[in-house]
N, C-alpha and C. Protein backbone atom coordinates (compact mmCIF):
# COMPACT_ATOMS: atom_id res chain seq x y z
N MET A 1 -17.97 -11.95 -2.62
CA MET A 1 -17.35 -12.85 -1.67
C MET A 1 -16.14 -12.13 -1.04
N GLN A 2 -16.07 -12.09 0.29
CA GLN A 2 -15.00 -11.40 1.01
C GLN A 2 -13.74 -12.26 1.06
N ARG A 3 -12.61 -11.64 0.80
CA ARG A 3 -11.30 -12.30 0.84
C ARG A 3 -10.34 -11.45 1.66
N LYS A 4 -9.36 -12.12 2.29
CA LYS A 4 -8.33 -11.43 3.05
C LYS A 4 -6.98 -11.66 2.37
N LEU A 5 -6.29 -10.56 2.13
CA LEU A 5 -5.01 -10.62 1.42
C LEU A 5 -3.96 -9.91 2.26
N LEU A 6 -2.98 -10.65 2.75
CA LEU A 6 -1.89 -10.10 3.54
C LEU A 6 -0.78 -9.66 2.59
N ILE A 7 -0.23 -8.46 2.83
CA ILE A 7 0.84 -7.94 1.98
C ILE A 7 2.11 -7.75 2.80
N GLY A 8 3.17 -8.41 2.38
CA GLY A 8 4.50 -8.19 2.95
C GLY A 8 5.24 -7.22 2.05
N TYR A 9 5.88 -6.23 2.63
CA TYR A 9 6.54 -5.22 1.80
C TYR A 9 7.63 -4.52 2.59
N VAL A 10 8.55 -3.88 1.86
CA VAL A 10 9.58 -3.03 2.43
C VAL A 10 8.95 -1.65 2.56
N PHE A 11 9.15 -0.98 3.70
CA PHE A 11 8.49 0.29 3.96
C PHE A 11 8.72 1.30 2.83
N ALA A 12 9.90 1.28 2.21
CA ALA A 12 10.19 2.21 1.12
C ALA A 12 9.26 2.00 -0.07
N ASN A 13 8.62 0.85 -0.15
CA ASN A 13 7.70 0.54 -1.25
C ASN A 13 6.24 0.68 -0.84
N ARG A 14 5.97 1.46 0.19
CA ARG A 14 4.61 1.63 0.71
C ARG A 14 3.63 2.12 -0.36
N ARG A 15 4.10 2.93 -1.29
CA ARG A 15 3.18 3.43 -2.33
C ARG A 15 2.63 2.30 -3.19
N TYR A 16 3.39 1.23 -3.34
CA TYR A 16 2.90 0.09 -4.13
C TYR A 16 1.86 -0.71 -3.33
N LEU A 17 2.02 -0.74 -2.03
CA LEU A 17 0.98 -1.31 -1.17
C LEU A 17 -0.30 -0.50 -1.32
N ARG A 18 -0.17 0.81 -1.28
CA ARG A 18 -1.35 1.69 -1.41
C ARG A 18 -2.04 1.47 -2.75
N LYS A 19 -1.28 1.24 -3.79
CA LYS A 19 -1.86 1.00 -5.11
C LYS A 19 -2.72 -0.27 -5.08
N VAL A 20 -2.23 -1.32 -4.44
CA VAL A 20 -3.00 -2.55 -4.32
C VAL A 20 -4.28 -2.28 -3.51
N GLN A 21 -4.18 -1.48 -2.46
CA GLN A 21 -5.36 -1.12 -1.68
C GLN A 21 -6.36 -0.36 -2.55
N GLN A 22 -5.87 0.53 -3.41
CA GLN A 22 -6.76 1.28 -4.31
C GLN A 22 -7.45 0.35 -5.30
N TRP A 23 -6.74 -0.64 -5.80
CA TRP A 23 -7.36 -1.60 -6.72
C TRP A 23 -8.56 -2.25 -6.03
N SER A 24 -8.36 -2.62 -4.78
CA SER A 24 -9.44 -3.27 -4.03
C SER A 24 -10.60 -2.30 -3.81
N GLU A 25 -10.29 -1.09 -3.36
CA GLU A 25 -11.34 -0.10 -3.08
C GLU A 25 -12.14 0.25 -4.32
N ARG A 26 -11.51 0.22 -5.47
CA ARG A 26 -12.18 0.59 -6.73
C ARG A 26 -12.81 -0.61 -7.44
N GLY A 27 -12.77 -1.76 -6.80
CA GLY A 27 -13.40 -2.95 -7.38
C GLY A 27 -12.69 -3.51 -8.59
N LYS A 28 -11.38 -3.31 -8.68
CA LYS A 28 -10.63 -3.78 -9.84
C LYS A 28 -10.12 -5.22 -9.70
N ILE A 29 -10.35 -5.82 -8.54
CA ILE A 29 -9.88 -7.20 -8.34
C ILE A 29 -11.06 -8.14 -8.56
N GLY A 30 -11.55 -8.16 -9.77
CA GLY A 30 -12.64 -9.05 -10.14
C GLY A 30 -13.90 -8.84 -9.33
N ASP A 31 -14.61 -9.93 -9.08
CA ASP A 31 -15.87 -9.89 -8.34
C ASP A 31 -15.67 -10.01 -6.83
N PHE A 32 -14.44 -9.98 -6.40
CA PHE A 32 -14.13 -10.20 -4.99
C PHE A 32 -14.11 -8.89 -4.21
N GLN A 33 -14.58 -8.95 -2.98
CA GLN A 33 -14.35 -7.87 -2.03
C GLN A 33 -13.09 -8.28 -1.28
N VAL A 34 -12.03 -7.52 -1.45
CA VAL A 34 -10.74 -7.92 -0.91
C VAL A 34 -10.31 -6.96 0.18
N ASP A 35 -10.06 -7.52 1.35
CA ASP A 35 -9.55 -6.75 2.48
C ASP A 35 -8.03 -6.84 2.40
N ILE A 36 -7.38 -5.74 2.04
CA ILE A 36 -5.93 -5.70 1.91
C ILE A 36 -5.35 -5.37 3.29
N ILE A 37 -4.54 -6.27 3.81
CA ILE A 37 -4.00 -6.12 5.16
C ILE A 37 -2.47 -6.08 5.08
N PRO A 38 -1.87 -4.91 5.37
CA PRO A 38 -0.40 -4.85 5.39
C PRO A 38 0.15 -5.61 6.59
N MET A 39 1.34 -6.16 6.43
CA MET A 39 1.94 -6.93 7.52
C MET A 39 2.21 -6.09 8.75
N ASP A 40 2.20 -4.76 8.59
CA ASP A 40 2.40 -3.88 9.75
C ASP A 40 1.10 -3.20 10.17
N ALA A 41 -0.02 -3.88 9.92
CA ALA A 41 -1.32 -3.36 10.35
C ALA A 41 -1.33 -3.25 11.88
N GLU A 42 -2.14 -2.35 12.36
CA GLU A 42 -2.18 -2.07 13.80
C GLU A 42 -2.41 -3.33 14.64
N ASP A 43 -3.21 -4.25 14.16
CA ASP A 43 -3.50 -5.48 14.91
C ASP A 43 -2.25 -6.34 15.15
N TYR A 44 -1.22 -6.14 14.36
CA TYR A 44 -0.02 -6.97 14.46
C TYR A 44 1.15 -6.26 15.12
N LEU A 45 0.91 -5.08 15.67
CA LEU A 45 1.99 -4.30 16.29
C LEU A 45 1.99 -4.47 17.81
N ASP A 46 3.18 -4.36 18.39
CA ASP A 46 3.29 -4.36 19.84
C ASP A 46 3.12 -2.94 20.37
N GLU A 47 3.27 -2.76 21.66
CA GLU A 47 3.07 -1.45 22.27
C GLU A 47 4.10 -0.42 21.81
N ASN A 48 5.22 -0.86 21.23
CA ASN A 48 6.25 0.06 20.73
C ASN A 48 6.11 0.36 19.24
N GLY A 49 5.08 -0.19 18.62
CA GLY A 49 4.87 0.06 17.20
C GLY A 49 5.64 -0.85 16.28
N HIS A 50 6.22 -1.93 16.81
CA HIS A 50 6.95 -2.91 16.00
C HIS A 50 6.05 -4.12 15.73
N ILE A 51 6.31 -4.80 14.64
CA ILE A 51 5.53 -6.00 14.34
C ILE A 51 5.75 -7.03 15.45
N ASP A 52 4.66 -7.52 16.01
CA ASP A 52 4.71 -8.57 17.02
C ASP A 52 4.61 -9.90 16.27
N PRO A 53 5.70 -10.65 16.21
CA PRO A 53 5.70 -11.90 15.43
C PRO A 53 4.56 -12.85 15.81
N ALA A 54 4.26 -12.97 17.08
CA ALA A 54 3.21 -13.90 17.51
C ALA A 54 1.85 -13.50 16.93
N ASN A 55 1.56 -12.21 16.94
CA ASN A 55 0.27 -11.74 16.41
C ASN A 55 0.17 -11.97 14.91
N LEU A 56 1.24 -11.66 14.18
CA LEU A 56 1.21 -11.83 12.73
C LEU A 56 1.12 -13.30 12.36
N ILE A 57 1.92 -14.12 13.01
CA ILE A 57 1.91 -15.55 12.70
C ILE A 57 0.55 -16.17 13.03
N ALA A 58 -0.07 -15.74 14.13
CA ALA A 58 -1.40 -16.26 14.49
C ALA A 58 -2.45 -15.90 13.45
N ALA A 59 -2.28 -14.77 12.77
CA ALA A 59 -3.25 -14.33 11.77
C ALA A 59 -3.05 -15.00 10.40
N MET A 60 -1.88 -15.53 10.14
CA MET A 60 -1.57 -16.07 8.81
C MET A 60 -2.57 -17.11 8.31
N PRO A 61 -2.97 -18.08 9.12
CA PRO A 61 -3.90 -19.10 8.59
C PRO A 61 -5.26 -18.55 8.15
N SER A 62 -5.64 -17.39 8.64
CA SER A 62 -6.94 -16.83 8.26
C SER A 62 -6.88 -16.06 6.95
N MET A 63 -5.70 -15.90 6.37
CA MET A 63 -5.55 -15.16 5.12
C MET A 63 -5.79 -16.08 3.92
N ASP A 64 -6.48 -15.54 2.93
CA ASP A 64 -6.69 -16.31 1.71
C ASP A 64 -5.42 -16.39 0.88
N LEU A 65 -4.67 -15.30 0.85
CA LEU A 65 -3.41 -15.23 0.11
C LEU A 65 -2.46 -14.27 0.81
N THR A 66 -1.18 -14.47 0.57
CA THR A 66 -0.16 -13.52 0.99
C THR A 66 0.64 -13.14 -0.24
N LEU A 67 0.76 -11.84 -0.47
CA LEU A 67 1.60 -11.33 -1.55
C LEU A 67 2.80 -10.65 -0.93
N ILE A 68 3.97 -10.97 -1.42
CA ILE A 68 5.20 -10.36 -0.94
C ILE A 68 5.71 -9.46 -2.06
N LEU A 69 5.62 -8.15 -1.84
CA LEU A 69 6.08 -7.18 -2.83
C LEU A 69 7.60 -7.12 -2.79
N VAL A 70 8.22 -7.31 -3.94
CA VAL A 70 9.68 -7.19 -4.02
C VAL A 70 10.04 -6.14 -5.04
N GLY A 71 11.07 -5.39 -4.71
CA GLY A 71 11.53 -4.31 -5.58
C GLY A 71 13.04 -4.34 -5.69
N ASP A 72 13.67 -3.19 -5.45
CA ASP A 72 15.12 -3.09 -5.56
C ASP A 72 15.84 -3.41 -4.26
N ASP A 73 15.21 -3.17 -3.11
CA ASP A 73 15.85 -3.36 -1.82
C ASP A 73 15.19 -4.51 -1.08
N ASN A 74 15.67 -5.72 -1.32
CA ASN A 74 15.04 -6.90 -0.73
C ASN A 74 15.91 -7.61 0.30
N THR A 75 17.15 -7.16 0.47
CA THR A 75 18.06 -7.87 1.37
C THR A 75 17.60 -7.81 2.82
N THR A 76 16.87 -6.76 3.19
CA THR A 76 16.37 -6.64 4.56
C THR A 76 14.84 -6.70 4.57
N HIS A 77 14.27 -7.42 3.64
CA HIS A 77 12.81 -7.50 3.52
C HIS A 77 12.23 -8.02 4.83
N PRO A 78 11.27 -7.30 5.42
CA PRO A 78 10.71 -7.73 6.70
C PRO A 78 10.03 -9.10 6.66
N TRP A 79 9.54 -9.52 5.50
CA TRP A 79 8.87 -10.81 5.43
C TRP A 79 9.84 -11.96 5.67
N LEU A 80 11.13 -11.74 5.47
CA LEU A 80 12.12 -12.80 5.68
C LEU A 80 12.00 -13.41 7.08
N ALA A 81 11.63 -12.60 8.06
CA ALA A 81 11.49 -13.08 9.43
C ALA A 81 10.28 -14.00 9.60
N PHE A 82 9.36 -14.00 8.63
CA PHE A 82 8.11 -14.75 8.77
C PHE A 82 7.96 -15.88 7.76
N GLU A 83 8.85 -15.96 6.80
CA GLU A 83 8.71 -16.95 5.73
C GLU A 83 8.72 -18.38 6.27
N SER A 84 9.58 -18.67 7.20
CA SER A 84 9.66 -20.03 7.75
C SER A 84 8.34 -20.42 8.41
N ALA A 85 7.76 -19.52 9.19
CA ALA A 85 6.48 -19.80 9.85
C ALA A 85 5.37 -19.97 8.81
N ALA A 86 5.37 -19.12 7.80
CA ALA A 86 4.35 -19.20 6.75
C ALA A 86 4.45 -20.53 6.00
N GLU A 87 5.66 -20.97 5.77
CA GLU A 87 5.86 -22.26 5.09
C GLU A 87 5.34 -23.41 5.96
N LYS A 88 5.65 -23.38 7.24
CA LYS A 88 5.18 -24.44 8.16
C LYS A 88 3.66 -24.47 8.25
N LEU A 89 3.04 -23.30 8.14
CA LEU A 89 1.58 -23.20 8.21
C LEU A 89 0.91 -23.46 6.85
N SER A 90 1.72 -23.72 5.83
CA SER A 90 1.24 -23.96 4.46
C SER A 90 0.39 -22.80 3.94
N CYS A 91 0.81 -21.59 4.26
CA CYS A 91 0.12 -20.39 3.76
C CYS A 91 0.37 -20.24 2.27
N LYS A 92 -0.63 -19.76 1.57
CA LYS A 92 -0.51 -19.54 0.13
C LYS A 92 0.16 -18.20 -0.09
N ARG A 93 1.42 -18.24 -0.57
CA ARG A 93 2.23 -17.04 -0.73
C ARG A 93 2.74 -16.92 -2.15
N TYR A 94 2.80 -15.67 -2.60
CA TYR A 94 3.30 -15.37 -3.94
C TYR A 94 4.18 -14.13 -3.87
N VAL A 95 5.16 -14.09 -4.73
CA VAL A 95 6.01 -12.91 -4.87
C VAL A 95 5.40 -12.06 -5.97
N MET A 96 5.27 -10.77 -5.70
CA MET A 96 4.76 -9.83 -6.69
C MET A 96 5.84 -8.79 -6.94
N ARG A 97 6.42 -8.85 -8.13
CA ARG A 97 7.51 -7.96 -8.51
C ARG A 97 6.97 -6.57 -8.81
N ILE A 98 7.56 -5.55 -8.17
CA ILE A 98 7.19 -4.16 -8.43
C ILE A 98 7.74 -3.79 -9.81
N PRO A 99 6.92 -3.15 -10.64
CA PRO A 99 7.36 -2.82 -12.00
C PRO A 99 8.66 -2.01 -12.03
N TYR A 100 9.46 -2.30 -13.02
CA TYR A 100 10.71 -1.57 -13.31
C TYR A 100 11.74 -1.69 -12.20
N THR A 101 11.68 -2.74 -11.42
CA THR A 101 12.70 -2.99 -10.41
C THR A 101 13.48 -4.24 -10.79
N THR A 102 14.71 -4.30 -10.34
CA THR A 102 15.57 -5.42 -10.73
C THR A 102 16.31 -6.05 -9.56
N GLY A 103 15.98 -5.65 -8.34
CA GLY A 103 16.65 -6.22 -7.17
C GLY A 103 16.48 -7.72 -7.11
N PRO A 104 17.51 -8.41 -6.64
CA PRO A 104 17.39 -9.87 -6.57
C PRO A 104 16.33 -10.29 -5.56
N ILE A 105 15.65 -11.37 -5.89
CA ILE A 105 14.66 -11.94 -4.97
C ILE A 105 15.43 -12.77 -3.95
N PRO A 106 15.17 -12.57 -2.66
CA PRO A 106 15.87 -13.35 -1.64
C PRO A 106 15.72 -14.85 -1.87
N THR A 107 16.77 -15.59 -1.59
CA THR A 107 16.74 -17.04 -1.82
C THR A 107 15.61 -17.71 -1.04
N GLU A 108 15.22 -17.14 0.09
CA GLU A 108 14.12 -17.71 0.87
C GLU A 108 12.80 -17.70 0.10
N PHE A 109 12.70 -16.86 -0.93
CA PHE A 109 11.48 -16.76 -1.72
C PHE A 109 11.57 -17.54 -3.03
N ASN A 110 12.68 -18.22 -3.28
CA ASN A 110 12.88 -18.90 -4.56
C ASN A 110 11.82 -19.96 -4.86
N SER A 111 11.26 -20.57 -3.85
CA SER A 111 10.27 -21.62 -4.10
C SER A 111 8.87 -21.05 -4.35
N LEU A 112 8.72 -19.73 -4.20
CA LEU A 112 7.42 -19.11 -4.38
C LEU A 112 7.23 -18.68 -5.83
N ARG A 113 6.03 -18.79 -6.30
CA ARG A 113 5.69 -18.37 -7.65
C ARG A 113 5.65 -16.84 -7.72
N THR A 114 6.17 -16.28 -8.80
CA THR A 114 6.14 -14.84 -9.02
C THR A 114 4.96 -14.50 -9.91
N VAL A 115 4.20 -13.47 -9.52
CA VAL A 115 3.05 -13.03 -10.30
C VAL A 115 3.23 -11.56 -10.68
N ALA A 116 2.54 -11.15 -11.72
CA ALA A 116 2.62 -9.78 -12.21
C ALA A 116 1.99 -8.81 -11.22
N TYR A 117 2.50 -7.59 -11.24
CA TYR A 117 1.96 -6.53 -10.38
C TYR A 117 0.80 -5.87 -11.10
N ASN A 118 -0.38 -6.48 -10.97
CA ASN A 118 -1.60 -5.90 -11.53
C ASN A 118 -2.82 -6.57 -10.90
N PRO A 119 -3.96 -5.90 -10.93
CA PRO A 119 -5.14 -6.45 -10.26
C PRO A 119 -5.64 -7.75 -10.89
N ASN A 120 -5.41 -7.92 -12.18
CA ASN A 120 -5.86 -9.15 -12.84
C ASN A 120 -5.14 -10.38 -12.28
N ALA A 121 -3.87 -10.21 -11.93
CA ALA A 121 -3.12 -11.33 -11.36
C ALA A 121 -3.70 -11.74 -10.01
N ILE A 122 -4.09 -10.76 -9.20
CA ILE A 122 -4.69 -11.06 -7.90
C ILE A 122 -6.04 -11.75 -8.11
N ASP A 123 -6.84 -11.24 -9.03
CA ASP A 123 -8.13 -11.84 -9.34
C ASP A 123 -7.95 -13.30 -9.74
N LYS A 124 -6.99 -13.56 -10.59
CA LYS A 124 -6.75 -14.93 -11.06
C LYS A 124 -6.35 -15.84 -9.89
N LEU A 125 -5.47 -15.35 -9.01
CA LEU A 125 -5.06 -16.15 -7.86
C LEU A 125 -6.26 -16.49 -6.96
N LEU A 126 -7.12 -15.51 -6.75
CA LEU A 126 -8.29 -15.75 -5.91
C LEU A 126 -9.26 -16.72 -6.58
N ARG A 127 -9.41 -16.63 -7.88
CA ARG A 127 -10.28 -17.58 -8.60
C ARG A 127 -9.72 -19.00 -8.52
N ILE A 128 -8.41 -19.12 -8.66
CA ILE A 128 -7.78 -20.44 -8.56
C ILE A 128 -8.01 -21.00 -7.15
N GLN A 129 -7.89 -20.15 -6.13
CA GLN A 129 -8.14 -20.59 -4.75
C GLN A 129 -9.55 -21.14 -4.62
N ASP A 130 -10.52 -20.45 -5.21
CA ASP A 130 -11.91 -20.91 -5.14
C ASP A 130 -12.07 -22.27 -5.80
N GLU A 131 -11.43 -22.44 -6.94
CA GLU A 131 -11.55 -23.71 -7.67
C GLU A 131 -10.93 -24.85 -6.87
N ILE A 132 -9.82 -24.57 -6.19
CA ILE A 132 -9.15 -25.59 -5.40
C ILE A 132 -9.94 -25.95 -4.15
N SER A 133 -10.50 -24.91 -3.50
CA SER A 133 -11.14 -25.14 -2.21
C SER A 133 -12.62 -25.48 -2.30
N THR A 134 -13.24 -25.34 -3.47
CA THR A 134 -14.65 -25.66 -3.60
C THR A 134 -14.81 -27.18 -3.72
N PRO A 135 -15.53 -27.79 -2.77
CA PRO A 135 -15.72 -29.24 -2.84
C PRO A 135 -16.58 -29.61 -4.04
N THR A 136 -16.22 -30.65 -4.68
CA THR A 136 -17.01 -31.13 -5.81
C THR A 136 -17.79 -32.36 -5.39
N GLU A 137 -18.97 -32.45 -5.91
CA GLU A 137 -19.85 -33.57 -5.56
C GLU A 137 -19.45 -34.79 -6.37
N VAL A 138 -19.30 -35.87 -5.67
CA VAL A 138 -18.97 -37.13 -6.34
C VAL A 138 -20.26 -37.94 -6.40
N GLY A 139 -20.59 -38.40 -7.58
CA GLY A 139 -21.86 -39.06 -7.60
C GLY A 139 -21.98 -40.05 -8.65
């Protein structure tokens, strides 16, 4: 089953984004085929190479999950500019703490659940999504 996972991250933590992409490519995220989409993917950039807020916000509802990678440098986290829109759109968002980091989580993310940085956590979130969204027959 194909899933779309949007990743918000600080550019300095790009290697952790790549690790999540590798988990997906190697089939480590359970039985799911997961399309890992960074928030700065080409589809969301303007002609100057900057994130175009309208393009990213328009894509949010089509994502199954959004993971926000947090590490040591979160005060200028690019996702901060999009959290309000994601909340209004009721997007499913989670904070994923990068291992061995201790930077404070921005207050804008305080209402979001924090999950472990590992493929099993992503698998579990996707399974929970399926259980929530699968209609049950009443009879």
